[in-house]
Amino acid sequence: QAYIDAYGATFGRQNLRVGGHKRRLDPLPRLVAVPGLGLI
């Protein structure tokens, strides 16, 4: 949830920078890092 919230905040400020016309993509991560396990 923290990742999704951060993605939304980034999109909000960046979309404002470029004029507010972008449509947000899904906020899910595509890569996950887990200590003791590796990358997913």
ModelCIF file with pLDDT and N, C-alpha, C, O atoms, coordinates in Angstrom:
data_MODEL
#
_entry.id   MODEL 
#
_entity.id                         1 
_entity.type                       polymer 
_entity.pdbx_number_of_molecules   1 
#
_entity_poly.entity_id                      1 
_entity_poly.type                           'polypeptide(L)' 
_entity_poly.nstd_linkage                   no 
_entity_poly.nstd_monomer                   no 
_entity_poly.pdbx_seq_one_letter_code       QAYIDAYGATFGRQNLRVGGHKRRLDPLPRLVAVPGLGLI 
_entity_poly.pdbx_seq_one_letter_code_can   QAYIDAYGATFGRQNLRVGGHKRRLDPLPRLVAVPGLGLI 
_entity_poly.pdbx_strand_id                 A 
#
loop_
_entity_poly_seq.entity_id 
_entity_poly_seq.num 
_entity_poly_seq.mon_id 
_entity_poly_seq.hetero 
1 1  GLN n 
1 2  ALA n 
1 3  TYR n 
1 4  ILE n 
1 5  ASP n 
1 6  ALA n 
1 7  TYR n 
1 8  GLY n 
1 9  ALA n 
1 10 THR n 
1 11 PHE n 
1 12 GLY n 
1 13 ARG n 
1 14 GLN n 
1 15 ASN n 
1 16 LEU n 
1 17 ARG n 
1 18 VAL n 
1 19 GLY n 
1 20 GLY n 
1 21 HIS n 
1 22 LYS n 
1 23 ARG n 
1 24 ARG n 
1 25 LEU n 
1 26 ASP n 
1 27 PRO n 
1 28 LEU n 
1 29 PRO n 
1 30 ARG n 
1 31 LEU n 
1 32 VAL n 
1 33 ALA n 
1 34 VAL n 
1 35 PRO n 
1 36 GLY n 
1 37 LEU n 
1 38 GLY n 
1 39 LEU n 
1 40 ILE n 
#
_struct_asym.id          A 
_struct_asym.entity_id   1 
#
loop_
_ma_qa_metric.id 
_ma_qa_metric.mode 
_ma_qa_metric.name 
_ma_qa_metric.software_group_id 
_ma_qa_metric.type 
1 global pLDDT . pLDDT 
2 local  pLDDT . pLDDT 
#
_ma_qa_metric_global.metric_id      1 
_ma_qa_metric_global.metric_value   96.72 
_ma_qa_metric_global.model_id       1 
_ma_qa_metric_global.ordinal_id     1 
#
loop_
_ma_qa_metric_local.label_asym_id 
_ma_qa_metric_local.label_comp_id 
_ma_qa_metric_local.label_seq_id 
_ma_qa_metric_local.metric_id 
_ma_qa_metric_local.metric_value 
_ma_qa_metric_local.model_id 
_ma_qa_metric_local.ordinal_id 
A GLN 1  2 98.00 1 1  
A ALA 2  2 98.00 1 2  
A TYR 3  2 98.00 1 3  
A ILE 4  2 98.00 1 4  
A ASP 5  2 97.00 1 5  
A ALA 6  2 98.00 1 6  
A TYR 7  2 98.00 1 7  
A GLY 8  2 97.00 1 8  
A ALA 9  2 98.00 1 9  
A THR 10 2 98.00 1 10 
A PHE 11 2 97.00 1 11 
A GLY 12 2 97.00 1 12 
A ARG 13 2 97.00 1 13 
A GLN 14 2 97.00 1 14 
A ASN 15 2 97.00 1 15 
A LEU 16 2 97.00 1 16 
A ARG 17 2 97.00 1 17 
A VAL 18 2 95.00 1 18 
A GLY 19 2 95.00 1 19 
A GLY 20 2 95.00 1 20 
A HIS 21 2 93.00 1 21 
A LYS 22 2 93.00 1 22 
A ARG 23 2 93.00 1 23 
A ARG 24 2 94.00 1 24 
A LEU 25 2 95.00 1 25 
A ASP 26 2 95.00 1 26 
A PRO 27 2 97.00 1 27 
A LEU 28 2 98.00 1 28 
A PRO 29 2 98.00 1 29 
A ARG 30 2 98.00 1 30 
A LEU 31 2 98.00 1 31 
A VAL 32 2 98.00 1 32 
A ALA 33 2 98.00 1 33 
A VAL 34 2 98.00 1 34 
A PRO 35 2 96.00 1 35 
A GLY 36 2 95.00 1 36 
A LEU 37 2 97.00 1 37 
A GLY 38 2 97.00 1 38 
A LEU 39 2 98.00 1 39 
A ILE 40 2 98.00 1 40 
#
loop_
_atom_site.group_PDB 
_atom_site.id 
_atom_site.type_symbol 
_atom_site.label_atom_id 
_atom_site.label_alt_id 
_atom_site.label_comp_id 
_atom_site.label_asym_id 
_atom_site.label_entity_id 
_atom_site.label_seq_id 
_atom_site.pdbx_PDB_ins_code 
_atom_site.Cartn_x 
_atom_site.Cartn_y 
_atom_site.Cartn_z 
_atom_site.occupancy 
_atom_site.B_iso_or_equiv 
_atom_site.pdbx_formal_charge 
_atom_site.auth_seq_id 
_atom_site.auth_comp_id 
_atom_site.auth_asym_id 
_atom_site.auth_atom_id 
_atom_site.pdbx_PDB_model_num 
ATOM 1   N N  . GLN A 1 1  ? 0.827  -1.206  0.000   1.00 98.00 ? 1  GLN A N  1 
ATOM 2   C CA . GLN A 1 1  ? 0.000  0.000   0.000   1.00 98.00 ? 1  GLN A CA 1 
ATOM 3   C C  . GLN A 1 1  ? 0.865  1.261   0.000   1.00 98.00 ? 1  GLN A C  1 
ATOM 4   O O  . GLN A 1 1  ? 0.531  2.245   -0.660  1.00 98.00 ? 1  GLN A O  1 
ATOM 5   N N  . ALA A 1 2  ? 1.973  1.232   0.738   1.00 98.00 ? 2  ALA A N  1 
ATOM 6   C CA . ALA A 1 2  ? 2.887  2.383   0.736   1.00 98.00 ? 2  ALA A CA 1 
ATOM 7   C C  . ALA A 1 2  ? 3.460  2.602   -0.658  1.00 98.00 ? 2  ALA A C  1 
ATOM 8   O O  . ALA A 1 2  ? 3.616  3.741   -1.099  1.00 98.00 ? 2  ALA A O  1 
ATOM 9   N N  . TYR A 1 3  ? 3.772  1.516   -1.346  1.00 98.00 ? 3  TYR A N  1 
ATOM 10  C CA . TYR A 1 3  ? 4.294  1.625   -2.719  1.00 98.00 ? 3  TYR A CA 1 
ATOM 11  C C  . TYR A 1 3  ? 3.246  2.259   -3.629  1.00 98.00 ? 3  TYR A C  1 
ATOM 12  O O  . TYR A 1 3  ? 3.554  3.165   -4.403  1.00 98.00 ? 3  TYR A O  1 
ATOM 13  N N  . ILE A 1 4  ? 2.010  1.778   -3.532  1.00 98.00 ? 4  ILE A N  1 
ATOM 14  C CA . ILE A 1 4  ? 0.936  2.295   -4.383  1.00 98.00 ? 4  ILE A CA 1 
ATOM 15  C C  . ILE A 1 4  ? 0.683  3.771   -4.093  1.00 98.00 ? 4  ILE A C  1 
ATOM 16  O O  . ILE A 1 4  ? 0.479  4.563   -5.013  1.00 98.00 ? 4  ILE A O  1 
ATOM 17  N N  . ASP A 1 5  ? 0.698  4.138   -2.816  1.00 97.00 ? 5  ASP A N  1 
ATOM 18  C CA . ASP A 1 5  ? 0.501  5.548   -2.447  1.00 97.00 ? 5  ASP A CA 1 
ATOM 19  C C  . ASP A 1 5  ? 1.621  6.418   -3.006  1.00 97.00 ? 5  ASP A C  1 
ATOM 20  O O  . ASP A 1 5  ? 1.373  7.509   -3.518  1.00 97.00 ? 5  ASP A O  1 
ATOM 21  N N  . ALA A 1 6  ? 2.856  5.928   -2.906  1.00 98.00 ? 6  ALA A N  1 
ATOM 22  C CA . ALA A 1 6  ? 3.993  6.696   -3.421  1.00 98.00 ? 6  ALA A CA 1 
ATOM 23  C C  . ALA A 1 6  ? 3.908  6.843   -4.939  1.00 98.00 ? 6  ALA A C  1 
ATOM 24  O O  . ALA A 1 6  ? 4.225  7.899   -5.486  1.00 98.00 ? 6  ALA A O  1 
ATOM 25  N N  . TYR A 1 7  ? 3.478  5.774   -5.615  1.00 98.00 ? 7  TYR A N  1 
ATOM 26  C CA . TYR A 1 7  ? 3.328  5.857   -7.072  1.00 98.00 ? 7  TYR A CA 1 
ATOM 27  C C  . TYR A 1 7  ? 2.282  6.907   -7.431  1.00 98.00 ? 7  TYR A C  1 
ATOM 28  O O  . TYR A 1 7  ? 2.471  7.696   -8.357  1.00 98.00 ? 7  TYR A O  1 
ATOM 29  N N  . GLY A 1 8  ? 1.174  6.907   -6.685  1.00 97.00 ? 8  GLY A N  1 
ATOM 30  C CA . GLY A 1 8  ? 0.135  7.887   -6.953  1.00 97.00 ? 8  GLY A CA 1 
ATOM 31  C C  . GLY A 1 8  ? 0.613  9.309   -6.731  1.00 97.00 ? 8  GLY A C  1 
ATOM 32  O O  . GLY A 1 8  ? 0.283  10.208  -7.505  1.00 97.00 ? 8  GLY A O  1 
ATOM 33  N N  . ALA A 1 9  ? 1.396  9.518   -5.667  1.00 98.00 ? 9  ALA A N  1 
ATOM 34  C CA . ALA A 1 9  ? 1.919  10.859  -5.394  1.00 98.00 ? 9  ALA A CA 1 
ATOM 35  C C  . ALA A 1 9  ? 2.876  11.302  -6.501  1.00 98.00 ? 9  ALA A C  1 
ATOM 36  O O  . ALA A 1 9  ? 2.842  12.451  -6.942  1.00 98.00 ? 9  ALA A O  1 
ATOM 37  N N  . THR A 1 10 ? 3.731  10.373  -6.943  1.00 98.00 ? 10 THR A N  1 
ATOM 38  C CA . THR A 1 10 ? 4.660  10.705  -8.033  1.00 98.00 ? 10 THR A CA 1 
ATOM 39  C C  . THR A 1 10 ? 3.890  11.059  -9.296  1.00 98.00 ? 10 THR A C  1 
ATOM 40  O O  . THR A 1 10 ? 4.200  12.042  -9.968  1.00 98.00 ? 10 THR A O  1 
ATOM 41  N N  . PHE A 1 11 ? 2.888  10.253  -9.612  1.00 97.00 ? 11 PHE A N  1 
ATOM 42  C CA . PHE A 1 11 ? 2.098  10.544  -10.808 1.00 97.00 ? 11 PHE A CA 1 
ATOM 43  C C  . PHE A 1 11 ? 1.432  11.909  -10.691 1.00 97.00 ? 11 PHE A C  1 
ATOM 44  O O  . PHE A 1 11 ? 1.405  12.672  -11.657 1.00 97.00 ? 11 PHE A O  1 
ATOM 45  N N  . GLY A 1 12 ? 0.897  12.220  -9.523  1.00 97.00 ? 12 GLY A N  1 
ATOM 46  C CA . GLY A 1 12 ? 0.204  13.488  -9.350  1.00 97.00 ? 12 GLY A CA 1 
ATOM 47  C C  . GLY A 1 12 ? 1.095  14.684  -9.640  1.00 97.00 ? 12 GLY A C  1 
ATOM 48  O O  . GLY A 1 12 ? 0.712  15.588  -10.382 1.00 97.00 ? 12 GLY A O  1 
ATOM 49  N N  . ARG A 1 13 ? 2.286  14.684  -9.049  1.00 97.00 ? 13 ARG A N  1 
ATOM 50  C CA . ARG A 1 13 ? 3.149  15.855  -9.261  1.00 97.00 ? 13 ARG A CA 1 
ATOM 51  C C  . ARG A 1 13 ? 3.748  15.871  -10.671 1.00 97.00 ? 13 ARG A C  1 
ATOM 52  O O  . ARG A 1 13 ? 3.945  16.939  -11.250 1.00 97.00 ? 13 ARG A O  1 
ATOM 53  N N  . GLN A 1 14 ? 4.035  14.701  -11.214 1.00 97.00 ? 14 GLN A N  1 
ATOM 54  C CA . GLN A 1 14 ? 4.607  14.668  -12.557 1.00 97.00 ? 14 GLN A CA 1 
ATOM 55  C C  . GLN A 1 14 ? 3.565  15.011  -13.619 1.00 97.00 ? 14 GLN A C  1 
ATOM 56  O O  . GLN A 1 14 ? 3.866  15.697  -14.596 1.00 97.00 ? 14 GLN A O  1 
ATOM 57  N N  . ASN A 1 15 ? 2.351  14.533  -13.423 1.00 97.00 ? 15 ASN A N  1 
ATOM 58  C CA . ASN A 1 15 ? 1.300  14.865  -14.377 1.00 97.00 ? 15 ASN A CA 1 
ATOM 59  C C  . ASN A 1 15 ? 1.025  16.357  -14.369 1.00 97.00 ? 15 ASN A C  1 
ATOM 60  O O  . ASN A 1 15 ? 0.758  16.946  -15.416 1.00 97.00 ? 15 ASN A O  1 
ATOM 61  N N  . LEU A 1 16 ? 1.089  16.971  -13.198 1.00 97.00 ? 16 LEU A N  1 
ATOM 62  C CA . LEU A 1 16 ? 0.937  18.424  -13.099 1.00 97.00 ? 16 LEU A CA 1 
ATOM 63  C C  . LEU A 1 16 ? 2.055  19.130  -13.856 1.00 97.00 ? 16 LEU A C  1 
ATOM 64  O O  . LEU A 1 16 ? 1.827  20.144  -14.516 1.00 97.00 ? 16 LEU A O  1 
ATOM 65  N N  . ARG A 1 17 ? 3.257  18.588  -13.755 1.00 97.00 ? 17 ARG A N  1 
ATOM 66  C CA . ARG A 1 17 ? 4.415  19.193  -14.446 1.00 97.00 ? 17 ARG A CA 1 
ATOM 67  C C  . ARG A 1 17 ? 4.233  19.212  -15.959 1.00 97.00 ? 17 ARG A C  1 
ATOM 68  O O  . ARG A 1 17 ? 4.618  20.170  -16.629 1.00 97.00 ? 17 ARG A O  1 
ATOM 69  N N  . VAL A 1 18 ? 3.633  18.130  -16.497 1.00 95.00 ? 18 VAL A N  1 
ATOM 70  C CA . VAL A 1 18 ? 3.519  18.022  -17.960 1.00 95.00 ? 18 VAL A CA 1 
ATOM 71  C C  . VAL A 1 18 ? 2.174  18.517  -18.487 1.00 95.00 ? 18 VAL A C  1 
ATOM 72  O O  . VAL A 1 18 ? 1.883  18.361  -19.673 1.00 95.00 ? 18 VAL A O  1 
ATOM 73  N N  . GLY A 1 19 ? 1.351  19.113  -17.624 1.00 95.00 ? 19 GLY A N  1 
ATOM 74  C CA . GLY A 1 19 ? 0.122  19.718  -18.122 1.00 95.00 ? 19 GLY A CA 1 
ATOM 75  C C  . GLY A 1 19 ? -1.162 19.024  -17.717 1.00 95.00 ? 19 GLY A C  1 
ATOM 76  O O  . GLY A 1 19 ? -2.245 19.483  -18.083 1.00 95.00 ? 19 GLY A O  1 
ATOM 77  N N  . GLY A 1 20 ? -1.074 17.915  -16.960 1.00 95.00 ? 20 GLY A N  1 
ATOM 78  C CA . GLY A 1 20 ? -2.260 17.274  -16.419 1.00 95.00 ? 20 GLY A CA 1 
ATOM 79  C C  . GLY A 1 20 ? -3.065 16.427  -17.379 1.00 95.00 ? 20 GLY A C  1 
ATOM 80  O O  . GLY A 1 20 ? -4.219 16.109  -17.089 1.00 95.00 ? 20 GLY A O  1 
ATOM 81  N N  . HIS A 1 21 ? -2.492 16.047  -18.524 1.00 93.00 ? 21 HIS A N  1 
ATOM 82  C CA . HIS A 1 21 ? -3.268 15.316  -19.531 1.00 93.00 ? 21 HIS A CA 1 
ATOM 83  C C  . HIS A 1 21 ? -2.981 13.816  -19.560 1.00 93.00 ? 21 HIS A C  1 
ATOM 84  O O  . HIS A 1 21 ? -3.575 13.090  -20.357 1.00 93.00 ? 21 HIS A O  1 
ATOM 85  N N  . LYS A 1 22 ? -2.083 13.349  -18.707 1.00 93.00 ? 22 LYS A N  1 
ATOM 86  C CA . LYS A 1 22 ? -1.745 11.927  -18.719 1.00 93.00 ? 22 LYS A CA 1 
ATOM 87  C C  . LYS A 1 22 ? -2.789 11.109  -17.955 1.00 93.00 ? 22 LYS A C  1 
ATOM 88  O O  . LYS A 1 22 ? -3.410 11.596  -17.009 1.00 93.00 ? 22 LYS A O  1 
ATOM 89  N N  . ARG A 1 23 ? -2.967 9.868   -18.382 1.00 93.00 ? 23 ARG A N  1 
ATOM 90  C CA . ARG A 1 23 ? -3.856 8.942   -17.697 1.00 93.00 ? 23 ARG A CA 1 
ATOM 91  C C  . ARG A 1 23 ? -3.008 7.943   -16.931 1.00 93.00 ? 23 ARG A C  1 
ATOM 92  O O  . ARG A 1 23 ? -2.135 7.293   -17.507 1.00 93.00 ? 23 ARG A O  1 
ATOM 93  N N  . ARG A 1 24 ? -3.261 7.818   -15.643 1.00 94.00 ? 24 ARG A N  1 
ATOM 94  C CA . ARG A 1 24 ? -2.395 7.002   -14.797 1.00 94.00 ? 24 ARG A CA 1 
ATOM 95  C C  . ARG A 1 24 ? -2.437 5.531   -15.201 1.00 94.00 ? 24 ARG A C  1 
ATOM 96  O O  . ARG A 1 24 ? -3.504 4.966   -15.440 1.00 94.00 ? 24 ARG A O  1 
ATOM 97  N N  . LEU A 1 25 ? -1.262 4.932   -15.273 1.00 95.00 ? 25 LEU A N  1 
ATOM 98  C CA . LEU A 1 25 ? -1.154 3.491   -15.474 1.00 95.00 ? 25 LEU A CA 1 
ATOM 99  C C  . LEU A 1 25 ? -1.394 2.789   -14.134 1.00 95.00 ? 25 LEU A C  1 
ATOM 100 O O  . LEU A 1 25 ? -1.496 3.449   -13.100 1.00 95.00 ? 25 LEU A O  1 
ATOM 101 N N  . ASP A 1 26 ? -1.483 1.476   -14.147 1.00 95.00 ? 26 ASP A N  1 
ATOM 102 C CA . ASP A 1 26 ? -1.703 0.783   -12.877 1.00 95.00 ? 26 ASP A CA 1 
ATOM 103 C C  . ASP A 1 26 ? -0.516 1.022   -11.949 1.00 95.00 ? 26 ASP A C  1 
ATOM 104 O O  . ASP A 1 26 ? 0.619  1.129   -12.416 1.00 95.00 ? 26 ASP A O  1 
ATOM 105 N N  . PRO A 1 27 ? -0.760 1.107   -10.653 1.00 97.00 ? 27 PRO A N  1 
ATOM 106 C CA . PRO A 1 27 ? 0.298  1.480   -9.706  1.00 97.00 ? 27 PRO A CA 1 
ATOM 107 C C  . PRO A 1 27 ? 1.069  0.303   -9.129  1.00 97.00 ? 27 PRO A C  1 
ATOM 108 O O  . PRO A 1 27 ? 1.854  0.484   -8.199  1.00 97.00 ? 27 PRO A O  1 
ATOM 109 N N  . LEU A 1 28 ? 0.867  -0.878  -9.651  1.00 98.00 ? 28 LEU A N  1 
ATOM 110 C CA . LEU A 1 28 ? 1.501  -2.056  -9.059  1.00 98.00 ? 28 LEU A CA 1 
ATOM 111 C C  . LEU A 1 28 ? 2.990  -2.114  -9.378  1.00 98.00 ? 28 LEU A C  1 
ATOM 112 O O  . LEU A 1 28 ? 3.408  -1.686  -10.455 1.00 98.00 ? 28 LEU A O  1 
ATOM 113 N N  . PRO A 1 29 ? 3.789  -2.634  -8.462  1.00 98.00 ? 29 PRO A N  1 
ATOM 114 C CA . PRO A 1 29 ? 5.210  -2.843  -8.768  1.00 98.00 ? 29 PRO A CA 1 
ATOM 115 C C  . PRO A 1 29 ? 5.349  -3.962  -9.793  1.00 98.00 ? 29 PRO A C  1 
ATOM 116 O O  . PRO A 1 29 ? 4.440  -4.776  -9.958  1.00 98.00 ? 29 PRO A O  1 
ATOM 117 N N  . ARG A 1 30 ? 6.465  -3.998  -10.469 1.00 98.00 ? 30 ARG A N  1 
ATOM 118 C CA . ARG A 1 30 ? 6.777  -5.103  -11.375 1.00 98.00 ? 30 ARG A CA 1 
ATOM 119 C C  . ARG A 1 30 ? 7.990  -5.891  -10.885 1.00 98.00 ? 30 ARG A C  1 
ATOM 120 O O  . ARG A 1 30 ? 8.272  -6.979  -11.385 1.00 98.00 ? 30 ARG A O  1 
ATOM 121 N N  . LEU A 1 31 ? 8.692  -5.347  -9.923  1.00 98.00 ? 31 LEU A N  1 
ATOM 122 C CA . LEU A 1 31 ? 9.864  -5.997  -9.353  1.00 98.00 ? 31 LEU A CA 1 
ATOM 123 C C  . LEU A 1 31 ? 9.778  -5.883  -7.840  1.00 98.00 ? 31 LEU A C  1 
ATOM 124 O O  . LEU A 1 31 ? 9.456  -4.819  -7.311  1.00 98.00 ? 31 LEU A O  1 
ATOM 125 N N  . VAL A 1 32 ? 10.068 -6.981  -7.142  1.00 98.00 ? 32 VAL A N  1 
ATOM 126 C CA . VAL A 1 32 ? 10.001 -7.010  -5.681  1.00 98.00 ? 32 VAL A CA 1 
ATOM 127 C C  . VAL A 1 32 ? 11.339 -7.511  -5.149  1.00 98.00 ? 32 VAL A C  1 
ATOM 128 O O  . VAL A 1 32 ? 11.894 -8.483  -5.661  1.00 98.00 ? 32 VAL A O  1 
ATOM 129 N N  . ALA A 1 33 ? 11.848 -6.848  -4.128  1.00 98.00 ? 33 ALA A N  1 
ATOM 130 C CA . ALA A 1 33 ? 13.093 -7.259  -3.473  1.00 98.00 ? 33 ALA A CA 1 
ATOM 131 C C  . ALA A 1 33 ? 12.768 -7.696  -2.050  1.00 98.00 ? 33 ALA A C  1 
ATOM 132 O O  . ALA A 1 33 ? 12.101 -6.980  -1.304  1.00 98.00 ? 33 ALA A O  1 
ATOM 133 N N  . VAL A 1 34 ? 13.251 -8.887  -1.683  1.00 98.00 ? 34 VAL A N  1 
ATOM 134 C CA . VAL A 1 34 ? 12.978 -9.432  -0.356  1.00 98.00 ? 34 VAL A CA 1 
ATOM 135 C C  . VAL A 1 34 ? 14.297 -9.861  0.288   1.00 98.00 ? 34 VAL A C  1 
ATOM 136 O O  . VAL A 1 34 ? 14.950 -10.769 -0.225  1.00 98.00 ? 34 VAL A O  1 
ATOM 137 N N  . PRO A 1 35 ? 14.708 -9.241  1.390   1.00 96.00 ? 35 PRO A N  1 
ATOM 138 C CA . PRO A 1 35 ? 15.932 -9.684  2.073   1.00 96.00 ? 35 PRO A CA 1 
ATOM 139 C C  . PRO A 1 35 ? 15.852 -11.169 2.418   1.00 96.00 ? 35 PRO A C  1 
ATOM 140 O O  . PRO A 1 35 ? 14.833 -11.655 2.911   1.00 96.00 ? 35 PRO A O  1 
ATOM 141 N N  . GLY A 1 36 ? 16.930 -11.867 2.153   1.00 95.00 ? 36 GLY A N  1 
ATOM 142 C CA . GLY A 1 36 ? 16.973 -13.289 2.425   1.00 95.00 ? 36 GLY A CA 1 
ATOM 143 C C  . GLY A 1 36 ? 16.400 -14.144 1.321   1.00 95.00 ? 36 GLY A C  1 
ATOM 144 O O  . GLY A 1 36 ? 16.515 -15.369 1.365   1.00 95.00 ? 36 GLY A O  1 
ATOM 145 N N  . LEU A 1 37 ? 15.784 -13.525 0.328   1.00 97.00 ? 37 LEU A N  1 
ATOM 146 C CA . LEU A 1 37 ? 15.148 -14.289 -0.752  1.00 97.00 ? 37 LEU A CA 1 
ATOM 147 C C  . LEU A 1 37 ? 15.688 -13.912 -2.123  1.00 97.00 ? 37 LEU A C  1 
ATOM 148 O O  . LEU A 1 37 ? 16.035 -14.793 -2.910  1.00 97.00 ? 37 LEU A O  1 
ATOM 149 N N  . GLY A 1 38 ? 15.766 -12.613 -2.424  1.00 97.00 ? 38 GLY A N  1 
ATOM 150 C CA . GLY A 1 38 ? 16.265 -12.180 -3.726  1.00 97.00 ? 38 GLY A CA 1 
ATOM 151 C C  . GLY A 1 38 ? 15.299 -11.245 -4.408  1.00 97.00 ? 38 GLY A C  1 
ATOM 152 O O  . GLY A 1 38 ? 14.639 -10.437 -3.754  1.00 97.00 ? 38 GLY A O  1 
ATOM 153 N N  . LEU A 1 39 ? 15.210 -11.351 -5.743  1.00 98.00 ? 39 LEU A N  1 
ATOM 154 C CA . LEU A 1 39 ? 14.354 -10.497 -6.556  1.00 98.00 ? 39 LEU A CA 1 
ATOM 155 C C  . LEU A 1 39 ? 13.232 -11.321 -7.172  1.00 98.00 ? 39 LEU A C  1 
ATOM 156 O O  . LEU A 1 39 ? 13.404 -12.503 -7.471  1.00 98.00 ? 39 LEU A O  1 
ATOM 157 N N  . ILE A 1 40 ? 12.082 -10.681 -7.358  1.00 98.00 ? 40 ILE A N  1 
ATOM 158 C CA . ILE A 1 40 ? 10.915 -11.351 -7.935  1.00 98.00 ? 40 ILE A CA 1 
ATOM 159 C C  . ILE A 1 40 ? 10.356 -10.470 -9.038  1.00 98.00 ? 40 ILE A C  1 
ATOM 160 O O  . ILE A 1 40 ? 9.364  -10.831 -9.672  1.00 98.00 ? 40 ILE A O  1 
#
